[in-house]
PDB file of all heavy atoms in Angstrom:
ATOM      1  N   GLU A   1       0.830  -1.200   0.000  1.00  0.00           N
ATOM      2  CA  GLU A   1       0.000   0.000   0.000  1.00  0.00           C
ATOM      3  C   GLU A   1       0.871   1.260   0.000  1.00  0.00           C
ATOM      4  O   GLU A   1       0.611   2.210  -0.755  1.00  0.00           O
ATOM      5  CB  GLU A   1      -0.921  -0.002   1.212  1.00  0.00           C
ATOM      6  CG  GLU A   1      -1.850   1.202   1.269  1.00  0.00           C
ATOM      7  CD  GLU A   1      -2.780   1.166   2.475  1.00  0.00           C
ATOM      8  OE1 GLU A   1      -2.717   0.209   3.260  1.00  0.00           O
ATOM      9  OE2 GLU A   1      -3.575   2.126   2.632  1.00  0.00           O
ATOM     10  N   ARG A   2       1.887   1.248   0.829  1.00  0.00           N
ATOM     11  CA  ARG A   2       2.789   2.390   0.882  1.00  0.00           C
ATOM     12  C   ARG A   2       3.533   2.571  -0.438  1.00  0.00           C
ATOM     13  O   ARG A   2       3.695   3.690  -0.935  1.00  0.00           O
ATOM     14  CB  ARG A   2       3.795   2.202   2.023  1.00  0.00           C
ATOM     15  CG  ARG A   2       4.891   3.255   2.096  1.00  0.00           C
ATOM     16  CD  ARG A   2       4.337   4.645   2.291  1.00  0.00           C
ATOM     17  NE  ARG A   2       5.422   5.617   2.492  1.00  0.00           N
ATOM     18  CZ  ARG A   2       5.252   6.941   2.427  1.00  0.00           C
ATOM     19  NH1 ARG A   2       4.041   7.452   2.174  1.00  0.00           N
ATOM     20  NH2 ARG A   2       6.277   7.750   2.625  1.00  0.00           N
ATOM     21  N   TYR A   3       3.944   1.471  -1.040  1.00  0.00           N
ATOM     22  CA  TYR A   3       4.674   1.546  -2.307  1.00  0.00           C
ATOM     23  C   TYR A   3       3.785   2.135  -3.406  1.00  0.00           C
ATOM     24  O   TYR A   3       4.238   2.926  -4.239  1.00  0.00           O
ATOM     25  CB  TYR A   3       5.176   0.162  -2.696  1.00  0.00           C
ATOM     26  CG  TYR A   3       6.237   0.167  -3.767  1.00  0.00           C
ATOM     27  CD1 TYR A   3       7.529   0.590  -3.490  1.00  0.00           C
ATOM     28  CD2 TYR A   3       5.946  -0.247  -5.063  1.00  0.00           C
ATOM     29  CE1 TYR A   3       8.513   0.599  -4.471  1.00  0.00           C
ATOM     30  CE2 TYR A   3       6.917  -0.244  -6.056  1.00  0.00           C
ATOM     31  CZ  TYR A   3       8.193   0.183  -5.755  1.00  0.00           C
ATOM     32  OH  TYR A   3       9.154   0.191  -6.726  1.00  0.00           O
ATOM     33  N   ASN A   4       2.505   1.773  -3.404  1.00  0.00           N
ATOM     34  CA  ASN A   4       1.574   2.334  -4.373  1.00  0.00           C
ATOM     35  C   ASN A   4       1.393   3.839  -4.152  1.00  0.00           C
ATOM     36  O   ASN A   4       1.258   4.608  -5.115  1.00  0.00           O
ATOM     37  CB  ASN A   4       0.219   1.624  -4.280  1.00  0.00           C
ATOM     38  CG  ASN A   4       0.256   0.241  -4.899  1.00  0.00           C
ATOM     39  OD1 ASN A   4       1.051  -0.036  -5.799  1.00  0.00           O
ATOM     40  ND2 ASN A   4      -0.606  -0.653  -4.419  1.00  0.00           N
ATOM     41  N   GLU A   5       1.398   4.262  -2.888  1.00  0.00           N
ATOM     42  CA  GLU A   5       1.311   5.693  -2.600  1.00  0.00           C
ATOM     43  C   GLU A   5       2.519   6.439  -3.170  1.00  0.00           C
ATOM     44  O   GLU A   5       2.385   7.538  -3.726  1.00  0.00           O
ATOM     45  CB  GLU A   5       1.231   5.918  -1.079  1.00  0.00           C
ATOM     46  CG  GLU A   5      -0.066   5.439  -0.449  1.00  0.00           C
ATOM     47  CD  GLU A   5      -0.016   5.544   1.069  1.00  0.00           C
ATOM     48  OE1 GLU A   5       1.054   5.915   1.602  1.00  0.00           O
ATOM     49  OE2 GLU A   5      -1.038   5.255   1.725  1.00  0.00           O
ATOM     50  N   LEU A   6       3.693   5.852  -3.024  1.00  0.00           N
ATOM     51  CA  LEU A   6       4.906   6.473  -3.546  1.00  0.00           C
ATOM     52  C   LEU A   6       4.862   6.558  -5.065  1.00  0.00           C
ATOM     53  O   LEU A   6       5.301   7.550  -5.660  1.00  0.00           O
ATOM     54  CB  LEU A   6       6.135   5.691  -3.088  1.00  0.00           C
ATOM     55  CG  LEU A   6       6.345   5.587  -1.574  1.00  0.00           C
ATOM     56  CD1 LEU A   6       7.537   4.685  -1.265  1.00  0.00           C
ATOM     57  CD2 LEU A   6       6.535   6.969  -0.964  1.00  0.00           C
ATOM     58  N   TYR A   7       4.321   5.498  -5.688  1.00  0.00           N
ATOM     59  CA  TYR A   7       4.179   5.518  -7.144  1.00  0.00           C
ATOM     60  C   TYR A   7       3.225   6.627  -7.573  1.00  0.00           C
ATOM     61  O   TYR A   7       3.506   7.387  -8.512  1.00  0.00           O
ATOM     62  CB  TYR A   7       3.678   4.165  -7.653  1.00  0.00           C
ATOM     63  CG  TYR A   7       3.305   4.184  -9.107  1.00  0.00           C
ATOM     64  CD1 TYR A   7       4.271   4.139 -10.104  1.00  0.00           C
ATOM     65  CD2 TYR A   7       1.963   4.289  -9.486  1.00  0.00           C
ATOM     66  CE1 TYR A   7       3.923   4.183 -11.453  1.00  0.00           C
ATOM     67  CE2 TYR A   7       1.605   4.327 -10.835  1.00  0.00           C
ATOM     68  CZ  TYR A   7       2.586   4.280 -11.805  1.00  0.00           C
ATOM     69  OH  TYR A   7       2.240   4.331 -13.132  1.00  0.00           O
ATOM     70  N   ASP A   8       2.093   6.749  -6.883  1.00  0.00           N
ATOM     71  CA  ASP A   8       1.114   7.782  -7.231  1.00  0.00           C
ATOM     72  C   ASP A   8       1.718   9.178  -7.098  1.00  0.00           C
ATOM     73  O   ASP A   8       1.466  10.066  -7.924  1.00  0.00           O
ATOM     74  CB  ASP A   8      -0.115   7.671  -6.324  1.00  0.00           C
ATOM     75  CG  ASP A   8      -0.918   6.407  -6.603  1.00  0.00           C
ATOM     76  OD1 ASP A   8      -0.773   5.834  -7.699  1.00  0.00           O
ATOM     77  OD2 ASP A   8      -1.693   5.994  -5.704  1.00  0.00           O
ATOM     78  N   ALA A   9       2.514   9.359  -6.062  1.00  0.00           N
ATOM     79  CA  ALA A   9       3.147  10.660  -5.840  1.00  0.00           C
ATOM     80  C   ALA A   9       4.348  10.884  -6.744  1.00  0.00           C
ATOM     81  O   ALA A   9       4.848  12.012  -6.841  1.00  0.00           O
ATOM     82  CB  ALA A   9       3.570  10.780  -4.377  1.00  0.00           C
ATOM     83  N   GLN A  10       4.804   9.791  -7.407  1.00  0.00           N
ATOM     84  CA  GLN A  10       6.014   9.850  -8.235  1.00  0.00           C
ATOM     85  C   GLN A  10       7.196  10.411  -7.457  1.00  0.00           C
ATOM     86  O   GLN A  10       8.012  11.176  -7.983  1.00  0.00           O
ATOM     87  CB  GLN A  10       5.761  10.657  -9.507  1.00  0.00           C
ATOM     88  CG  GLN A  10       4.946   9.916 -10.557  1.00  0.00           C
ATOM     89  CD  GLN A  10       5.695   8.676 -11.087  1.00  0.00           C
ATOM     90  OE1 GLN A  10       6.617   8.804 -11.891  1.00  0.00           O
ATOM     91  NE2 GLN A  10       5.286   7.490 -10.646  1.00  0.00           N
ATOM     92  N   ARG A  11       7.278   9.964  -6.205  1.00  0.00           N
ATOM     93  CA  ARG A  11       8.384  10.382  -5.348  1.00  0.00           C
ATOM     94  C   ARG A  11       8.580   9.333  -4.248  1.00  0.00           C
ATOM     95  O   ARG A  11       7.678   9.079  -3.455  1.00  0.00           O
ATOM     96  CB  ARG A  11       8.109  11.744  -4.727  1.00  0.00           C
ATOM     97  CG  ARG A  11       9.246  12.256  -3.847  1.00  0.00           C
ATOM     98  CD  ARG A  11       8.921  13.648  -3.312  1.00  0.00           C
ATOM     99  NE  ARG A  11       9.954  14.115  -2.403  1.00  0.00           N
ATOM    100  CZ  ARG A  11      11.084  14.702  -2.781  1.00  0.00           C
ATOM    101  NH1 ARG A  11      11.338  14.880  -4.074  1.00  0.00           N
ATOM    102  NH2 ARG A  11      11.984  15.102  -1.899  1.00  0.00           N
ATOM    103  N   ASP A  12       9.746   8.743  -4.218  1.00  0.00           N
ATOM    104  CA  ASP A  12      10.049   7.742  -3.196  1.00  0.00           C
ATOM    105  C   ASP A  12      10.612   8.454  -1.970  1.00  0.00           C
ATOM    106  O   ASP A  12      11.818   8.679  -1.859  1.00  0.00           O
ATOM    107  CB  ASP A  12      11.048   6.718  -3.744  1.00  0.00           C
ATOM    108  CG  ASP A  12      11.358   5.603  -2.753  1.00  0.00           C
ATOM    109  OD1 ASP A  12      10.771   5.604  -1.645  1.00  0.00           O
ATOM    110  OD2 ASP A  12      12.192   4.741  -3.070  1.00  0.00           O
ATOM    111  N   GLU A  13       9.739   8.798  -1.054  1.00  0.00           N
ATOM    112  CA  GLU A  13      10.149   9.505   0.149  1.00  0.00           C
ATOM    113  C   GLU A  13      10.769   8.582   1.191  1.00  0.00           C
ATOM    114  O   GLU A  13      11.293   9.063   2.202  1.00  0.00           O
ATOM    115  CB  GLU A  13       8.948  10.229   0.765  1.00  0.00           C
ATOM    116  CG  GLU A  13       8.379  11.323  -0.122  1.00  0.00           C
ATOM    117  CD  GLU A  13       7.182  12.014   0.490  1.00  0.00           C
ATOM    118  OE1 GLU A  13       6.649  11.455   1.484  1.00  0.00           O
ATOM    119  OE2 GLU A  13       6.789  13.081  -0.003  1.00  0.00           O
ATOM    120  N   ASP A  14      10.706   7.264   0.957  1.00  0.00           N
ATOM    121  CA  ASP A  14      11.229   6.316   1.939  1.00  0.00           C
ATOM    122  C   ASP A  14      12.680   5.934   1.670  1.00  0.00           C
ATOM    123  O   ASP A  14      13.511   5.938   2.578  1.00  0.00           O
ATOM    124  CB  ASP A  14      10.366   5.055   1.961  1.00  0.00           C
ATOM    125  CG  ASP A  14       8.955   5.330   2.459  1.00  0.00           C
ATOM    126  OD1 ASP A  14       8.737   6.423   3.025  1.00  0.00           O
ATOM    127  OD2 ASP A  14       8.076   4.473   2.277  1.00  0.00           O
ATOM    128  N   PHE A  15      12.983   5.603   0.389  1.00  0.00           N
ATOM    129  CA  PHE A  15      14.332   5.143   0.065  1.00  0.00           C
ATOM    130  C   PHE A  15      14.976   5.896  -1.093  1.00  0.00           C
ATOM    131  O   PHE A  15      16.126   5.647  -1.430  1.00  0.00           O
ATOM    132  CB  PHE A  15      14.328   3.646  -0.245  1.00  0.00           C
ATOM    133  CG  PHE A  15      14.032   2.779   0.941  1.00  0.00           C
ATOM    134  CD1 PHE A  15      12.761   2.269   1.151  1.00  0.00           C
ATOM    135  CD2 PHE A  15      15.020   2.500   1.870  1.00  0.00           C
ATOM    136  CE1 PHE A  15      12.479   1.485   2.254  1.00  0.00           C
ATOM    137  CE2 PHE A  15      14.754   1.705   2.979  1.00  0.00           C
ATOM    138  CZ  PHE A  15      13.474   1.203   3.175  1.00  0.00           C
ATOM    139  N   GLY A  16      14.242   6.786  -1.719  1.00  0.00           N
ATOM    140  CA  GLY A  16      14.853   7.650  -2.718  1.00  0.00           C
ATOM    141  C   GLY A  16      15.036   7.039  -4.092  1.00  0.00           C
ATOM    142  O   GLY A  16      15.865   7.512  -4.867  1.00  0.00           O
ATOM    143  N   LYS A  17      14.271   6.009  -4.425  1.00  0.00           N
ATOM    144  CA  LYS A  17      14.404   5.450  -5.773  1.00  0.00           C
ATOM    145  C   LYS A  17      13.864   6.441  -6.803  1.00  0.00           C
ATOM    146  O   LYS A  17      12.888   7.154  -6.560  1.00  0.00           O
ATOM    147  CB  LYS A  17      13.657   4.116  -5.879  1.00  0.00           C
ATOM    148  CG  LYS A  17      13.810   3.451  -7.247  1.00  0.00           C
ATOM    149  CD  LYS A  17      13.489   1.969  -7.224  1.00  0.00           C
ATOM    150  CE  LYS A  17      12.041   1.695  -6.924  1.00  0.00           C
ATOM    151  NZ  LYS A  17      11.750   0.247  -7.012  1.00  0.00           N
ATOM    152  N   GLU A  18      14.485   6.461  -7.965  1.00  0.00           N
ATOM    153  CA  GLU A  18      14.078   7.378  -9.024  1.00  0.00           C
ATOM    154  C   GLU A  18      12.619   7.110  -9.420  1.00  0.00           C
ATOM    155  O   GLU A  18      12.172   5.968  -9.468  1.00  0.00           O
ATOM    156  CB  GLU A  18      14.979   7.208 -10.247  1.00  0.00           C
ATOM    157  CG  GLU A  18      16.455   7.416  -9.956  1.00  0.00           C
ATOM    158  CD  GLU A  18      17.163   6.175  -9.434  1.00  0.00           C
ATOM    159  OE1 GLU A  18      16.507   5.124  -9.280  1.00  0.00           O
ATOM    160  OE2 GLU A  18      18.382   6.270  -9.157  1.00  0.00           O
ATOM    161  N   ALA A  19      11.904   8.169  -9.736  1.00  0.00           N
ATOM    162  CA  ALA A  19      10.468   8.043 -10.021  1.00  0.00           C
ATOM    163  C   ALA A  19      10.190   7.117 -11.194  1.00  0.00           C
ATOM    164  O   ALA A  19       9.226   6.341 -11.175  1.00  0.00           O
ATOM    165  CB  ALA A  19       9.875   9.431 -10.284  1.00  0.00           C
ATOM    166  N   PHE A  20      11.049   7.161 -12.227  1.00  0.00           N
ATOM    167  CA  PHE A  20      10.759   6.344 -13.407  1.00  0.00           C
ATOM    168  C   PHE A  20      10.970   4.849 -13.143  1.00  0.00           C
ATOM    169  O   PHE A  20      10.615   4.017 -13.973  1.00  0.00           O
ATOM    170  CB  PHE A  20      11.583   6.809 -14.612  1.00  0.00           C
ATOM    171  CG  PHE A  20      13.052   6.444 -14.592  1.00  0.00           C
ATOM    172  CD1 PHE A  20      13.519   5.358 -15.319  1.00  0.00           C
ATOM    173  CD2 PHE A  20      13.966   7.204 -13.868  1.00  0.00           C
ATOM    174  CE1 PHE A  20      14.871   5.032 -15.323  1.00  0.00           C
ATOM    175  CE2 PHE A  20      15.307   6.887 -13.869  1.00  0.00           C
ATOM    176  CZ  PHE A  20      15.771   5.797 -14.594  1.00  0.00           C
ATOM    177  N   ARG A  21      11.524   4.534 -11.994  1.00  0.00           N
ATOM    178  CA  ARG A  21      11.700   3.132 -11.637  1.00  0.00           C
ATOM    179  C   ARG A  21      10.768   2.689 -10.504  1.00  0.00           C
ATOM    180  O   ARG A  21      10.956   1.632  -9.914  1.00  0.00           O
ATOM    181  CB  ARG A  21      13.158   2.855 -11.292  1.00  0.00           C
ATOM    182  CG  ARG A  21      14.009   2.833 -12.547  1.00  0.00           C
ATOM    183  CD  ARG A  21      15.423   2.435 -12.309  1.00  0.00           C
ATOM    184  NE  ARG A  21      16.125   2.231 -13.571  1.00  0.00           N
ATOM    185  CZ  ARG A  21      17.444   2.191 -13.703  1.00  0.00           C
ATOM    186  NH1 ARG A  21      18.210   2.345 -12.638  1.00  0.00           N
ATOM    187  NH2 ARG A  21      17.998   1.993 -14.877  1.00  0.00           N
ATOM    188  N   LEU A  22       9.754   3.501 -10.210  1.00  0.00           N
ATOM    189  CA  LEU A  22       8.668   3.067  -9.342  1.00  0.00           C
ATOM    190  C   LEU A  22       7.614   2.364 -10.191  1.00  0.00           C
ATOM    191  O   LEU A  22       7.524   2.580 -11.400  1.00  0.00           O
ATOM    192  CB  LEU A  22       8.050   4.271  -8.636  1.00  0.00           C
ATOM    193  CG  LEU A  22       8.937   4.988  -7.608  1.00  0.00           C
ATOM    194  CD1 LEU A  22       8.307   6.312  -7.198  1.00  0.00           C
ATOM    195  CD2 LEU A  22       9.174   4.100  -6.387  1.00  0.00           C
ATOM    196  N   SER A  23       6.812   1.524  -9.562  1.00  0.00           N
ATOM    197  CA  SER A  23       5.767   0.801 -10.289  1.00  0.00           C
ATOM    198  C   SER A  23       4.597   0.536  -9.346  1.00  0.00           C
ATOM    199  O   SER A  23       4.787   0.355  -8.141  1.00  0.00           O
ATOM    200  CB  SER A  23       6.296  -0.517 -10.846  1.00  0.00           C
ATOM    201  OG  SER A  23       6.820  -1.325  -9.805  1.00  0.00           O
ATOM    202  N   ALA A  24       3.393   0.526  -9.899  1.00  0.00           N
ATOM    203  CA  ALA A  24       2.210   0.204  -9.109  1.00  0.00           C
ATOM    204  C   ALA A  24       2.044  -1.300  -8.992  1.00  0.00           C
ATOM    205  O   ALA A  24       2.444  -2.056  -9.889  1.00  0.00           O
ATOM    206  CB  ALA A  24       0.981   0.829  -9.751  1.00  0.00           C
ATOM    207  N   ILE A  25       1.458  -1.737  -7.880  1.00  0.00           N
ATOM    208  CA  ILE A  25       1.160  -3.165  -7.674  1.00  0.00           C
ATOM    209  C   ILE A  25      -0.317  -3.243  -7.307  1.00  0.00           C
ATOM    210  O   ILE A  25      -0.700  -3.335  -6.139  1.00  0.00           O
ATOM    211  CB  ILE A  25       2.052  -3.767  -6.575  1.00  0.00           C
ATOM    212  CG1 ILE A  25       3.531  -3.530  -6.902  1.00  0.00           C
ATOM    213  CG2 ILE A  25       1.792  -5.269  -6.425  1.00  0.00           C
ATOM    214  CD1 ILE A  25       4.477  -3.942  -5.795  1.00  0.00           C
ATOM    215  N   ARG A  26      -1.163  -3.181  -8.345  1.00  0.00           N
ATOM    216  CA  ARG A  26      -2.613  -3.109  -8.122  1.00  0.00           C
ATOM    217  C   ARG A  26      -3.404  -4.064  -8.999  1.00  0.00           C
ATOM    218  O   ARG A  26      -4.538  -4.403  -8.664  1.00  0.00           O
ATOM    219  CB  ARG A  26      -3.106  -1.684  -8.399  1.00  0.00           C
ATOM    220  CG  ARG A  26      -2.655  -0.643  -7.387  1.00  0.00           C
ATOM    221  CD  ARG A  26      -3.427   0.645  -7.572  1.00  0.00           C
ATOM    222  NE  ARG A  26      -3.174   1.593  -6.500  1.00  0.00           N
ATOM    223  CZ  ARG A  26      -2.425   2.704  -6.628  1.00  0.00           C
ATOM    224  NH1 ARG A  26      -1.858   2.992  -7.796  1.00  0.00           N
ATOM    225  NH2 ARG A  26      -2.258   3.518  -5.606  1.00  0.00           N
ATOM    226  N   THR A  27      -2.838  -4.462 -10.110  1.00  0.00           N
ATOM    227  CA  THR A  27      -3.610  -5.186 -11.125  1.00  0.00           C
ATOM    228  C   THR A  27      -3.255  -6.664 -11.115  1.00  0.00           C
ATOM    229  O   THR A  27      -2.117  -7.044 -11.421  1.00  0.00           O
ATOM    230  CB  THR A  27      -3.351  -4.596 -12.521  1.00  0.00           C
ATOM    231  OG1 THR A  27      -3.577  -3.187 -12.498  1.00  0.00           O
ATOM    232  CG2 THR A  27      -4.256  -5.250 -13.551  1.00  0.00           C
ATOM    233  N   ALA A  28      -4.214  -7.497 -10.744  1.00  0.00           N
ATOM    234  CA  ALA A  28      -3.991  -8.942 -10.736  1.00  0.00           C
ATOM    235  C   ALA A  28      -3.805  -9.447 -12.168  1.00  0.00           C
ATOM    236  O   ALA A  28      -4.310  -8.841 -13.119  1.00  0.00           O
ATOM    237  CB  ALA A  28      -5.162  -9.633 -10.063  1.00  0.00           C
ATOM    238  N   PRO A  29      -3.096 -10.562 -12.336  1.00  0.00           N
ATOM    239  CA  PRO A  29      -2.477 -11.378 -11.281  1.00  0.00           C
ATOM    240  C   PRO A  29      -1.205 -10.718 -10.723  1.00  0.00           C
ATOM    241  O   PRO A  29      -0.550  -9.935 -11.399  1.00  0.00           O
ATOM    242  CB  PRO A  29      -2.146 -12.683 -11.987  1.00  0.00           C
ATOM    243  CG  PRO A  29      -1.945 -12.294 -13.415  1.00  0.00           C
ATOM    244  CD  PRO A  29      -2.919 -11.184 -13.670  1.00  0.00           C
ATOM    245  N   PHE A  30      -0.896 -11.096  -9.472  1.00  0.00           N
ATOM    246  CA  PHE A  30       0.293 -10.612  -8.794  1.00  0.00           C
ATOM    247  C   PHE A  30       1.361 -11.705  -8.797  1.00  0.00           C
ATOM    248  O   PHE A  30       1.046 -12.897  -8.755  1.00  0.00           O
ATOM    249  CB  PHE A  30      -0.041 -10.204  -7.359  1.00  0.00           C
ATOM    250  CG  PHE A  30      -1.105  -9.158  -7.275  1.00  0.00           C
ATOM    251  CD1 PHE A  30      -2.403  -9.491  -6.900  1.00  0.00           C
ATOM    252  CD2 PHE A  30      -0.831  -7.840  -7.583  1.00  0.00           C
ATOM    253  CE1 PHE A  30      -3.390  -8.528  -6.829  1.00  0.00           C
ATOM    254  CE2 PHE A  30      -1.813  -6.866  -7.521  1.00  0.00           C
ATOM    255  CZ  PHE A  30      -3.105  -7.201  -7.140  1.00  0.00           C
ATOM    256  N   TYR A  31       2.613 -11.271  -8.830  1.00  0.00           N
ATOM    257  CA  TYR A  31       3.723 -12.211  -8.940  1.00  0.00           C
ATOM    258  C   TYR A  31       4.741 -11.957  -7.828  1.00  0.00           C
ATOM    259  O   TYR A  31       4.942 -10.821  -7.385  1.00  0.00           O
ATOM    260  CB  TYR A  31       4.452 -12.042 -10.268  1.00  0.00           C
ATOM    261  CG  TYR A  31       3.633 -12.264 -11.516  1.00  0.00           C
ATOM    262  CD1 TYR A  31       2.802 -11.259 -12.015  1.00  0.00           C
ATOM    263  CD2 TYR A  31       3.706 -13.465 -12.221  1.00  0.00           C
ATOM    264  CE1 TYR A  31       2.063 -11.444 -13.170  1.00  0.00           C
ATOM    265  CE2 TYR A  31       2.984 -13.662 -13.390  1.00  0.00           C
ATOM    266  CZ  TYR A  31       2.163 -12.651 -13.851  1.00  0.00           C
ATOM    267  OH  TYR A  31       1.439 -12.832 -15.003  1.00  0.00           O
ATOM    268  N   GLY A  32       5.415 -13.003  -7.426  1.00  0.00           N
ATOM    269  CA  GLY A  32       6.527 -12.879  -6.498  1.00  0.00           C
ATOM    270  C   GLY A  32       7.453 -14.072  -6.646  1.00  0.00           C
ATOM    271  O   GLY A  32       7.048 -15.147  -7.105  1.00  0.00           O
ATOM    272  N   VAL A  33       8.720 -13.892  -6.262  1.00  0.00           N
ATOM    273  CA  VAL A  33       9.690 -14.971  -6.374  1.00  0.00           C
ATOM    274  C   VAL A  33      10.724 -14.805  -5.273  1.00  0.00           C
ATOM    275  O   VAL A  33      11.017 -13.687  -4.839  1.00  0.00           O
ATOM    276  CB  VAL A  33      10.363 -14.968  -7.769  1.00  0.00           C
ATOM    277  CG1 VAL A  33      11.149 -13.692  -7.991  1.00  0.00           C
ATOM    278  CG2 VAL A  33      11.238 -16.199  -7.961  1.00  0.00           C
ATOM    279  N   LYS A  34      11.256 -15.899  -4.814  1.00  0.00           N
ATOM    280  CA  LYS A  34      12.321 -15.891  -3.808  1.00  0.00           C
ATOM    281  C   LYS A  34      13.665 -15.956  -4.527  1.00  0.00           C
ATOM    282  O   LYS A  34      13.878 -16.826  -5.378  1.00  0.00           O
ATOM    283  CB  LYS A  34      12.170 -17.081  -2.863  1.00  0.00           C
ATOM    284  CG  LYS A  34      13.211 -17.145  -1.751  1.00  0.00           C
ATOM    285  CD  LYS A  34      12.915 -18.298  -0.800  1.00  0.00           C
ATOM    286  CE  LYS A  34      13.898 -18.332   0.358  1.00  0.00           C
ATOM    287  NZ  LYS A  34      13.574 -19.412   1.335  1.00  0.00           N
ATOM    288  N   LEU A  35      14.579 -15.038  -4.168  1.00  0.00           N
ATOM    289  CA  LEU A  35      15.869 -14.962  -4.838  1.00  0.00           C
ATOM    290  C   LEU A  35      17.025 -15.035  -3.851  1.00  0.00           C
ATOM    291  O   LEU A  35      16.914 -14.597  -2.707  1.00  0.00           O
ATOM    292  CB  LEU A  35      15.999 -13.644  -5.618  1.00  0.00           C
ATOM    293  CG  LEU A  35      15.079 -13.390  -6.798  1.00  0.00           C
ATOM    294  CD1 LEU A  35      15.419 -12.052  -7.427  1.00  0.00           C
ATOM    295  CD2 LEU A  35      15.169 -14.498  -7.830  1.00  0.00           C
ATOM    296  N   GLY A  36      18.134 -15.569  -4.335  1.00  0.00           N
ATOM    297  CA  GLY A  36      19.429 -15.470  -3.677  1.00  0.00           C
ATOM    298  C   GLY A  36      20.458 -15.062  -4.713  1.00  0.00           C
ATOM    299  O   GLY A  36      20.153 -14.897  -5.896  1.00  0.00           O
ATOM    300  N   GLY A  37      21.689 -14.891  -4.282  1.00  0.00           N
ATOM    301  CA  GLY A  37      22.742 -14.464  -5.195  1.00  0.00           C
ATOM    302  C   GLY A  37      23.289 -15.595  -6.034  1.00  0.00           C
ATOM    303  O   GLY A  37      23.235 -16.763  -5.660  1.00  0.00           O
ATOM    304  N   LYS A  38      23.806 -15.238  -7.187  1.00  0.00           N
ATOM    305  CA  LYS A  38      24.539 -16.154  -8.069  1.00  0.00           C
ATOM    306  C   LYS A  38      25.957 -15.602  -8.218  1.00  0.00           C
ATOM    307  O   LYS A  38      26.164 -14.549  -8.825  1.00  0.00           O
ATOM    308  CB  LYS A  38      23.870 -16.255  -9.437  1.00  0.00           C
ATOM    309  CG  LYS A  38      22.625 -17.117  -9.488  1.00  0.00           C
ATOM    310  CD  LYS A  38      22.979 -18.579  -9.646  1.00  0.00           C
ATOM    311  CE  LYS A  38      21.754 -19.410 -10.006  1.00  0.00           C
ATOM    312  NZ  LYS A  38      22.078 -20.832 -10.162  1.00  0.00           N
ATOM    313  N   GLU A  39      26.923 -16.304  -7.671  1.00  0.00           N
ATOM    314  CA  GLU A  39      28.309 -15.838  -7.662  1.00  0.00           C
ATOM    315  C   GLU A  39      28.973 -16.028  -9.023  1.00  0.00           C
ATOM    316  O   GLU A  39      28.969 -17.119  -9.585  1.00  0.00           O
ATOM    317  CB  GLU A  39      29.086 -16.605  -6.590  1.00  0.00           C
ATOM    318  CG  GLU A  39      30.575 -16.428  -6.611  1.00  0.00           C
ATOM    319  CD  GLU A  39      31.049 -15.138  -5.969  1.00  0.00           C
ATOM    320  OE1 GLU A  39      30.332 -14.142  -6.050  1.00  0.00           O
ATOM    321  OE2 GLU A  39      32.138 -15.137  -5.385  1.00  0.00           O
ATOM    322  N   LEU A  40      29.562 -14.937  -9.542  1.00  0.00           N
ATOM    323  CA  LEU A  40      30.312 -15.017 -10.797  1.00  0.00           C
ATOM    324  C   LEU A  40      31.808 -15.141 -10.547  1.00  0.00           C
ATOM    325  O   LEU A  40      32.467 -15.984 -11.149  1.00  0.00           O
ATOM    326  CB  LEU A  40      30.061 -13.789 -11.672  1.00  0.00           C
ATOM    327  CG  LEU A  40      28.806 -13.788 -12.524  1.00  0.00           C
ATOM    328  CD1 LEU A  40      27.591 -13.435 -11.674  1.00  0.00           C
ATOM    329  CD2 LEU A  40      28.936 -12.782 -13.663  1.00  0.00           C
ATOM    330  N   ALA A  41      32.345 -14.270  -9.700  1.00  0.00           N
ATOM    331  CA  ALA A  41      33.796 -14.253  -9.526  1.00  0.00           C
ATOM    332  C   ALA A  41      34.155 -13.590  -8.205  1.00  0.00           C
ATOM    333  O   ALA A  41      33.474 -12.660  -7.758  1.00  0.00           O
ATOM    334  CB  ALA A  41      34.468 -13.492 -10.675  1.00  0.00           C
ATOM    335  N   THR A  42      35.229 -14.057  -7.602  1.00  0.00           N
ATOM    336  CA  THR A  42      35.800 -13.378  -6.447  1.00  0.00           C
ATOM    337  C   THR A  42      36.794 -12.332  -6.927  1.00  0.00           C
ATOM    338  O   THR A  42      37.440 -12.492  -7.962  1.00  0.00           O
ATOM    339  CB  THR A  42      36.510 -14.373  -5.523  1.00  0.00           C
ATOM    340  OG1 THR A  42      37.482 -15.126  -6.277  1.00  0.00           O
ATOM    341  CG2 THR A  42      35.516 -15.328  -4.891  1.00  0.00           C
TER     342      THR A  42
END
């Protein structure tokens, strides 16, 4: 809900992400995935 508010305002007041990289999460279906890192090189 908060993230959608930031998108509507086109301003990330919480973490400062650029406006053009905000997105709304309102339209079903909704997606999610669990991620970890993939190591390329030390």
